[in-house]
């Protein structure tokens, strides 16, 4: 039988998870996506030259 947390503990854990996702993971993923896109543009310009 699965172990169930008391409602108070579960709510604290959910809040902590939500704050971690919104304060840490979303900004980190945004930076990684933008940096990756910039790197792809940079590499393509090195290979194909600047846009005309």
N, C-alpha and C. Protein backbone atom coordinates (compact mmCIF):
# COMPACT_ATOMS: atom_id res chain seq x y z
N UNK A 1 0.85 -1.19 0.00
CA UNK A 1 0.00 0.00 0.00
C UNK A 1 0.89 1.24 0.00
N UNK A 2 0.64 2.20 -0.89
CA UNK A 2 1.50 3.39 -0.96
C UNK A 2 1.38 4.26 0.28
N UNK A 3 2.50 4.87 0.62
CA UNK A 3 2.54 5.76 1.78
C UNK A 3 1.98 7.12 1.37
N UNK A 4 1.02 7.62 2.13
CA UNK A 4 0.46 8.94 1.83
C UNK A 4 0.88 9.93 2.90
N UNK A 5 1.29 11.12 2.45
CA UNK A 5 1.71 12.16 3.38
C UNK A 5 0.49 12.82 3.98
N UNK A 6 0.65 13.36 5.18
CA UNK A 6 -0.44 14.17 5.71
C UNK A 6 -0.67 15.38 4.80
N UNK A 7 -1.88 15.90 4.77
CA UNK A 7 -2.17 17.01 3.85
C UNK A 7 -1.25 18.22 4.04
N UNK A 8 -0.90 18.54 5.29
CA UNK A 8 -0.05 19.71 5.55
C UNK A 8 1.35 19.51 4.94
N UNK A 9 1.91 18.33 5.13
CA UNK A 9 3.24 18.04 4.58
C UNK A 9 3.19 18.04 3.06
N UNK A 10 2.15 17.50 2.51
CA UNK A 10 2.02 17.44 1.05
C UNK A 10 1.89 18.84 0.46
N UNK A 11 1.14 19.71 1.12
CA UNK A 11 0.99 21.08 0.61
C UNK A 11 2.32 21.82 0.66
N UNK A 12 3.09 21.63 1.73
CA UNK A 12 4.40 22.29 1.82
C UNK A 12 5.33 21.79 0.72
N UNK A 13 5.28 20.49 0.47
CA UNK A 13 6.13 19.92 -0.57
C UNK A 13 5.73 20.42 -1.95
N UNK A 14 4.43 20.53 -2.19
CA UNK A 14 3.96 21.06 -3.47
C UNK A 14 4.36 22.52 -3.64
N UNK A 15 4.26 23.31 -2.59
CA UNK A 15 4.66 24.72 -2.67
C UNK A 15 6.15 24.83 -2.93
N UNK A 16 6.94 24.03 -2.25
CA UNK A 16 8.39 24.05 -2.46
C UNK A 16 8.73 23.65 -3.89
N UNK A 17 8.06 22.65 -4.42
CA UNK A 17 8.29 22.22 -5.80
C UNK A 17 7.90 23.32 -6.77
N UNK A 18 6.77 23.96 -6.54
CA UNK A 18 6.31 25.04 -7.41
C UNK A 18 7.30 26.20 -7.41
N UNK A 19 7.76 26.59 -6.23
CA UNK A 19 8.71 27.70 -6.14
C UNK A 19 10.03 27.34 -6.81
N UNK A 20 10.49 26.10 -6.64
CA UNK A 20 11.72 25.68 -7.30
C UNK A 20 11.57 25.74 -8.81
N UNK A 21 10.43 25.26 -9.32
CA UNK A 21 10.23 25.28 -10.77
C UNK A 21 10.16 26.71 -11.31
N UNK A 22 9.43 27.58 -10.62
CA UNK A 22 9.25 28.94 -11.15
C UNK A 22 10.47 29.83 -10.92
N UNK A 23 11.19 29.64 -9.83
CA UNK A 23 12.31 30.53 -9.51
C UNK A 23 13.64 30.04 -10.03
N UNK A 24 13.78 28.73 -10.29
CA UNK A 24 15.07 28.18 -10.69
C UNK A 24 15.01 27.56 -12.09
N UNK A 25 14.11 26.64 -12.29
CA UNK A 25 14.13 25.87 -13.53
C UNK A 25 13.70 26.68 -14.76
N UNK A 26 12.65 27.47 -14.65
CA UNK A 26 12.18 28.23 -15.82
C UNK A 26 13.23 29.25 -16.27
N UNK A 27 13.82 30.05 -15.37
CA UNK A 27 14.87 30.96 -15.83
C UNK A 27 16.09 30.22 -16.39
N UNK A 28 16.48 29.13 -15.76
CA UNK A 28 17.63 28.38 -16.25
C UNK A 28 17.36 27.81 -17.64
N UNK A 29 16.19 27.24 -17.85
CA UNK A 29 15.86 26.70 -19.17
C UNK A 29 15.76 27.81 -20.21
N UNK A 30 15.25 28.97 -19.81
CA UNK A 30 15.17 30.10 -20.74
C UNK A 30 16.56 30.54 -21.19
N UNK A 31 17.48 30.63 -20.26
CA UNK A 31 18.86 31.02 -20.59
C UNK A 31 19.48 29.97 -21.51
N UNK A 32 19.27 28.70 -21.22
CA UNK A 32 19.85 27.64 -22.05
C UNK A 32 19.28 27.68 -23.47
N UNK A 33 17.98 27.91 -23.60
CA UNK A 33 17.37 27.96 -24.93
C UNK A 33 17.89 29.15 -25.72
N UNK A 34 17.95 30.33 -25.10
CA UNK A 34 18.42 31.52 -25.81
C UNK A 34 19.89 31.39 -26.17
N UNK A 35 20.70 30.87 -25.24
CA UNK A 35 22.13 30.68 -25.53
C UNK A 35 22.32 29.66 -26.64
N UNK A 36 21.56 28.60 -26.62
CA UNK A 36 21.66 27.60 -27.68
C UNK A 36 21.28 28.16 -29.04
N UNK A 37 20.22 28.96 -29.07
CA UNK A 37 19.81 29.57 -30.33
C UNK A 37 20.89 30.53 -30.84
N UNK A 38 21.44 31.33 -29.94
CA UNK A 38 22.52 32.24 -30.32
C UNK A 38 23.74 31.49 -30.84
N UNK A 39 24.07 30.38 -30.21
CA UNK A 39 25.21 29.57 -30.66
C UNK A 39 24.96 29.01 -32.05
N UNK A 40 23.74 28.56 -32.30
CA UNK A 40 23.41 28.02 -33.63
C UNK A 40 23.53 29.12 -34.69
N UNK A 41 23.03 30.31 -34.39
CA UNK A 41 23.15 31.42 -35.34
C UNK A 41 24.61 31.76 -35.58
N UNK A 42 25.39 31.82 -34.52
CA UNK A 42 26.82 32.15 -34.62
C UNK A 42 27.55 31.13 -35.50
N UNK A 43 27.32 29.85 -35.24
CA UNK A 43 27.99 28.79 -36.01
C UNK A 43 27.55 28.83 -37.47
N UNK A 44 26.26 29.08 -37.71
CA UNK A 44 25.80 29.12 -39.10
C UNK A 44 26.43 30.29 -39.85
N UNK A 45 26.65 31.41 -39.15
CA UNK A 45 27.28 32.56 -39.80
C UNK A 45 28.77 32.31 -40.04
N UNK A 46 29.42 31.55 -39.18
CA UNK A 46 30.81 31.19 -39.41
C UNK A 46 30.95 30.32 -40.65
N UNK A 47 30.00 29.42 -40.86
CA UNK A 47 30.06 28.48 -41.98
C UNK A 47 29.58 29.13 -43.27
N UNK A 48 28.46 29.84 -43.23
CA UNK A 48 27.84 30.37 -44.45
C UNK A 48 28.12 31.85 -44.69
N UNK A 49 28.73 32.52 -43.75
CA UNK A 49 29.00 33.94 -43.91
C UNK A 49 27.84 34.75 -43.37
N UNK A 50 28.04 36.07 -43.26
CA UNK A 50 26.98 36.93 -42.72
C UNK A 50 25.79 37.01 -43.67
N UNK A 51 24.62 37.34 -43.12
CA UNK A 51 23.44 37.47 -43.99
C UNK A 51 23.58 38.65 -44.94
N UNK A 52 22.96 38.52 -46.12
CA UNK A 52 23.03 39.60 -47.13
C UNK A 52 21.71 40.30 -47.21
